[in-house]
PDB file of N, CA and C in Angstrom:
ATOM      1  N   MET A   1     -24.508  63.127   4.177  1.00  0.00           N
ATOM      2  CA  MET A   1     -25.379  62.406   3.265  1.00  0.00           C
ATOM      3  C   MET A   1     -26.582  63.267   2.881  1.00  0.00           C
ATOM      4  N   LEU A   2     -27.064  64.054   3.820  1.00  0.00           N
ATOM      5  CA  LEU A   2     -28.240  64.884   3.544  1.00  0.00           C
ATOM      6  C   LEU A   2     -27.943  65.893   2.439  1.00  0.00           C
ATOM      7  N   GLU A   3     -26.769  66.506   2.477  1.00  0.00           N
ATOM      8  CA  GLU A   3     -26.413  67.500   1.467  1.00  0.00           C
ATOM      9  C   GLU A   3     -26.181  66.863   0.099  1.00  0.00           C
ATOM     10  N   GLN A   4     -25.572  65.685   0.077  1.00  0.00           N
ATOM     11  CA  GLN A   4     -25.220  65.044  -1.190  1.00  0.00           C
ATOM     12  C   GLN A   4     -26.402  64.347  -1.845  1.00  0.00           C
ATOM     13  N   THR A   5     -27.218  63.639  -1.054  1.00  0.00           N
ATOM     14  CA  THR A   5     -28.275  62.813  -1.638  1.00  0.00           C
ATOM     15  C   THR A   5     -29.681  63.254  -1.261  1.00  0.00           C
ATOM     16  N   GLY A   6     -29.802  64.085  -0.228  1.00  0.00           N
ATOM     17  CA  GLY A   6     -31.127  64.498   0.230  1.00  0.00           C
ATOM     18  C   GLY A   6     -31.768  63.493   1.168  1.00  0.00           C
ATOM     19  N   LEU A   7     -31.011  62.455   1.580  1.00  0.00           N
ATOM     20  CA  LEU A   7     -31.522  61.433   2.483  1.00  0.00           C
ATOM     21  C   LEU A   7     -30.865  61.570   3.848  1.00  0.00           C
ATOM     22  N   LYS A   8     -31.658  61.386   4.891  1.00  0.00           N
ATOM     23  CA  LYS A   8     -31.104  61.334   6.235  1.00  0.00           C
ATOM     24  C   LYS A   8     -30.724  59.885   6.514  1.00  0.00           C
ATOM     25  N   VAL A   9     -29.449  59.639   6.789  1.00  0.00           N
ATOM     26  CA  VAL A   9     -28.947  58.291   7.015  1.00  0.00           C
ATOM     27  C   VAL A   9     -28.305  58.257   8.401  1.00  0.00           C
ATOM     28  N   SER A  10     -28.782  57.367   9.257  1.00  0.00           N
ATOM     29  CA  SER A  10     -28.240  57.279  10.615  1.00  0.00           C
ATOM     30  C   SER A  10     -26.895  56.570  10.605  1.00  0.00           C
ATOM     31  N   SER A  11     -26.124  56.793  11.652  1.00  0.00           N
ATOM     32  CA  SER A  11     -24.811  56.153  11.754  1.00  0.00           C
ATOM     33  C   SER A  11     -24.953  54.644  11.880  1.00  0.00           C
ATOM     34  N   ARG A  12     -26.089  54.167  12.392  1.00  0.00           N
ATOM     35  CA  ARG A  12     -26.337  52.721  12.492  1.00  0.00           C
ATOM     36  C   ARG A  12     -26.365  52.090  11.105  1.00  0.00           C
ATOM     37  N   TYR A  13     -27.048  52.735  10.167  1.00  0.00           N
ATOM     38  CA  TYR A  13     -27.125  52.207   8.809  1.00  0.00           C
ATOM     39  C   TYR A  13     -25.764  52.267   8.123  1.00  0.00           C
ATOM     40  N   ILE A  14     -25.012  53.344   8.366  1.00  0.00           N
ATOM     41  CA  ILE A  14     -23.684  53.457   7.789  1.00  0.00           C
ATOM     42  C   ILE A  14     -22.789  52.328   8.289  1.00  0.00           C
ATOM     43  N   ALA A  15     -22.882  52.012   9.576  1.00  0.00           N
ATOM     44  CA  ALA A  15     -22.090  50.926  10.146  1.00  0.00           C
ATOM     45  C   ALA A  15     -22.489  49.580   9.541  1.00  0.00           C
ATOM     46  N   GLN A  16     -23.784  49.379   9.304  1.00  0.00           N
ATOM     47  CA  GLN A  16     -24.238  48.120   8.696  1.00  0.00           C
ATOM     48  C   GLN A  16     -23.632  47.937   7.307  1.00  0.00           C
ATOM     49  N   ILE A  17     -23.625  48.997   6.522  1.00  0.00           N
ATOM     50  CA  ILE A  17     -23.092  48.911   5.161  1.00  0.00           C
ATOM     51  C   ILE A  17     -21.574  48.714   5.194  1.00  0.00           C
ATOM     52  N   LYS A  18     -20.885  49.416   6.106  1.00  0.00           N
ATOM     53  CA  LYS A  18     -19.435  49.235   6.228  1.00  0.00           C
ATOM     54  C   LYS A  18     -19.106  47.794   6.582  1.00  0.00           C
ATOM     55  N   LYS A  19     -19.869  47.208   7.520  1.00  0.00           N
ATOM     56  CA  LYS A  19     -19.637  45.834   7.939  1.00  0.00           C
ATOM     57  C   LYS A  19     -19.873  44.871   6.775  1.00  0.00           C
ATOM     58  N   LYS A  20     -20.916  45.150   5.986  1.00  0.00           N
ATOM     59  CA  LYS A  20     -21.253  44.304   4.844  1.00  0.00           C
ATOM     60  C   LYS A  20     -20.149  44.340   3.778  1.00  0.00           C
ATOM     61  N   CYS A  21     -19.501  45.499   3.627  1.00  0.00           N
ATOM     62  CA  CYS A  21     -18.431  45.654   2.635  1.00  0.00           C
ATOM     63  C   CYS A  21     -17.073  45.224   3.168  1.00  0.00           C
ATOM     64  N   GLY A  22     -16.999  44.878   4.448  1.00  0.00           N
ATOM     65  CA  GLY A  22     -15.749  44.419   5.016  1.00  0.00           C
ATOM     66  C   GLY A  22     -14.851  45.534   5.522  1.00  0.00           C
ATOM     67  N   LEU A  23     -15.389  46.737   5.678  1.00  0.00           N
ATOM     68  CA  LEU A  23     -14.601  47.851   6.183  1.00  0.00           C
ATOM     69  C   LEU A  23     -14.559  47.827   7.701  1.00  0.00           C
ATOM     70  N   ASP A  24     -13.557  48.490   8.265  1.00  0.00           N
ATOM     71  CA  ASP A  24     -13.367  48.531   9.710  1.00  0.00           C
ATOM     72  C   ASP A  24     -14.472  49.365  10.362  1.00  0.00           C
ATOM     73  N   VAL A  25     -15.096  48.817  11.386  1.00  0.00           N
ATOM     74  CA  VAL A  25     -16.160  49.501  12.119  1.00  0.00           C
ATOM     75  C   VAL A  25     -15.737  49.582  13.577  1.00  0.00           C
ATOM     76  N   GLY A  26     -15.961  50.737  14.197  1.00  0.00           N
ATOM     77  CA  GLY A  26     -15.590  50.912  15.596  1.00  0.00           C
ATOM     78  C   GLY A  26     -16.400  50.026  16.519  1.00  0.00           C
ATOM     79  N   GLU A  27     -15.936  49.890  17.747  1.00  0.00           N
ATOM     80  CA  GLU A  27     -16.595  49.044  18.738  1.00  0.00           C
ATOM     81  C   GLU A  27     -17.851  49.743  19.251  1.00  0.00           C
ATOM     82  N   ASN A  28     -18.907  48.989  19.453  1.00  0.00           N
ATOM     83  CA  ASN A  28     -20.176  49.539  19.920  1.00  0.00           C
ATOM     84  C   ASN A  28     -20.223  49.481  21.438  1.00  0.00           C
ATOM     85  N   PHE A  29     -20.391  50.640  22.077  1.00  0.00           N
ATOM     86  CA  PHE A  29     -20.426  50.692  23.531  1.00  0.00           C
ATOM     87  C   PHE A  29     -21.852  50.675  24.072  1.00  0.00           C
ATOM     88  N   ASN A  30     -22.850  50.843  23.211  1.00  0.00           N
ATOM     89  CA  ASN A  30     -24.244  50.869  23.620  1.00  0.00           C
ATOM     90  C   ASN A  30     -24.913  49.570  23.171  1.00  0.00           C
ATOM     91  N   LEU A  31     -24.512  48.467  23.762  1.00  0.00           N
ATOM     92  CA  LEU A  31     -24.988  47.146  23.349  1.00  0.00           C
ATOM     93  C   LEU A  31     -26.392  46.880  23.884  1.00  0.00           C
ATOM     94  N   PRO A  32     -27.198  46.069  23.165  1.00  0.00           N
ATOM     95  CA  PRO A  32     -28.536  45.734  23.643  1.00  0.00           C
ATOM     96  C   PRO A  32     -28.495  44.881  24.906  1.00  0.00           C
ATOM     97  N   LYS A  33     -29.540  44.978  25.715  1.00  0.00           N
ATOM     98  CA  LYS A  33     -29.584  44.237  26.971  1.00  0.00           C
ATOM     99  C   LYS A  33     -29.977  42.779  26.769  1.00  0.00           C
ATOM    100  N   SER A  34     -30.750  42.497  25.731  1.00  0.00           N
ATOM    101  CA  SER A  34     -31.142  41.114  25.467  1.00  0.00           C
ATOM    102  C   SER A  34     -30.434  40.605  24.205  1.00  0.00           C
ATOM    103  N   LYS A  35     -30.275  39.293  24.114  1.00  0.00           N
ATOM    104  CA  LYS A  35     -29.555  38.706  22.980  1.00  0.00           C
ATOM    105  C   LYS A  35     -30.355  38.781  21.680  1.00  0.00           C
ATOM    106  N   ASN A  36     -31.671  38.718  21.779  1.00  0.00           N
ATOM    107  CA  ASN A  36     -32.495  38.690  20.567  1.00  0.00           C
ATOM    108  C   ASN A  36     -33.169  40.039  20.307  1.00  0.00           C
ATOM    109  N   ALA A  37     -32.476  41.133  20.569  1.00  0.00           N
ATOM    110  CA  ALA A  37     -33.025  42.467  20.326  1.00  0.00           C
ATOM    111  C   ALA A  37     -33.148  42.701  18.824  1.00  0.00           C
ATOM    112  N   ARG A  38     -34.228  43.323  18.417  1.00  0.00           N
ATOM    113  CA  ARG A  38     -34.492  43.591  17.008  1.00  0.00           C
ATOM    114  C   ARG A  38     -33.660  44.798  16.554  1.00  0.00           C
ATOM    115  N   GLN A  39     -32.978  44.664  15.428  1.00  0.00           N
ATOM    116  CA  GLN A  39     -32.188  45.747  14.877  1.00  0.00           C
ATOM    117  C   GLN A  39     -32.758  46.112  13.507  1.00  0.00           C
ATOM    118  N   PRO A  40     -33.157  47.371  13.308  1.00  0.00           N
ATOM    119  CA  PRO A  40     -33.709  47.756  12.004  1.00  0.00           C
ATOM    120  C   PRO A  40     -32.652  47.640  10.904  1.00  0.00           C
ATOM    121  N   GLN A  41     -33.093  47.277   9.716  1.00  0.00           N
ATOM    122  CA  GLN A  41     -32.196  47.128   8.576  1.00  0.00           C
ATOM    123  C   GLN A  41     -32.299  48.339   7.662  1.00  0.00           C
ATOM    124  N   CYS A  42     -31.226  48.634   6.985  1.00  0.00           N
ATOM    125  CA  CYS A  42     -31.139  49.770   6.092  1.00  0.00           C
ATOM    126  C   CYS A  42     -32.017  49.552   4.852  1.00  0.00           C
ATOM    127  N   THR A  43     -32.684  50.613   4.397  1.00  0.00           N
ATOM    128  CA  THR A  43     -33.549  50.511   3.209  1.00  0.00           C
ATOM    129  C   THR A  43     -32.687  50.477   1.950  1.00  0.00           C
ATOM    130  N   PRO A  44     -33.199  49.903   0.860  1.00  0.00           N
ATOM    131  CA  PRO A  44     -32.411  49.822  -0.386  1.00  0.00           C
ATOM    132  C   PRO A  44     -31.988  51.181  -0.924  1.00  0.00           C
ATOM    133  N   GLU A  45     -32.836  52.227  -0.788  1.00  0.00           N
ATOM    134  CA  GLU A  45     -32.479  53.545  -1.289  1.00  0.00           C
ATOM    135  C   GLU A  45     -31.251  54.098  -0.561  1.00  0.00           C
ATOM    136  N   LYS A  46     -31.217  53.857   0.746  1.00  0.00           N
ATOM    137  CA  LYS A  46     -30.102  54.363   1.544  1.00  0.00           C
ATOM    138  C   LYS A  46     -28.850  53.534   1.314  1.00  0.00           C
ATOM    139  N   LYS A  47     -28.996  52.237   0.991  1.00  0.00           N
ATOM    140  CA  LYS A  47     -27.836  51.410   0.661  1.00  0.00           C
ATOM    141  C   LYS A  47     -27.156  51.925  -0.595  1.00  0.00           C
ATOM    142  N   GLU A  48     -27.949  52.300  -1.595  1.00  0.00           N
ATOM    143  CA  GLU A  48     -27.405  52.803  -2.844  1.00  0.00           C
ATOM    144  C   GLU A  48     -26.700  54.144  -2.667  1.00  0.00           C
ATOM    145  N   ALA A  49     -27.222  54.979  -1.749  1.00  0.00           N
ATOM    146  CA  ALA A  49     -26.622  56.304  -1.509  1.00  0.00           C
ATOM    147  C   ALA A  49     -25.267  56.123  -0.874  1.00  0.00           C
TER     148      ALA A  49
END
């Protein structure tokens, strides 16, 4: 993504967008310890990229 768009996009944001589009996402092995853990959301610029 950095080479194509100039934006650094984490794999967390990529997984969020894949899930939103209905694409297959791998299983997460690093789960949060509490049920109400805060998860950052992807910015609109990175969603468009």
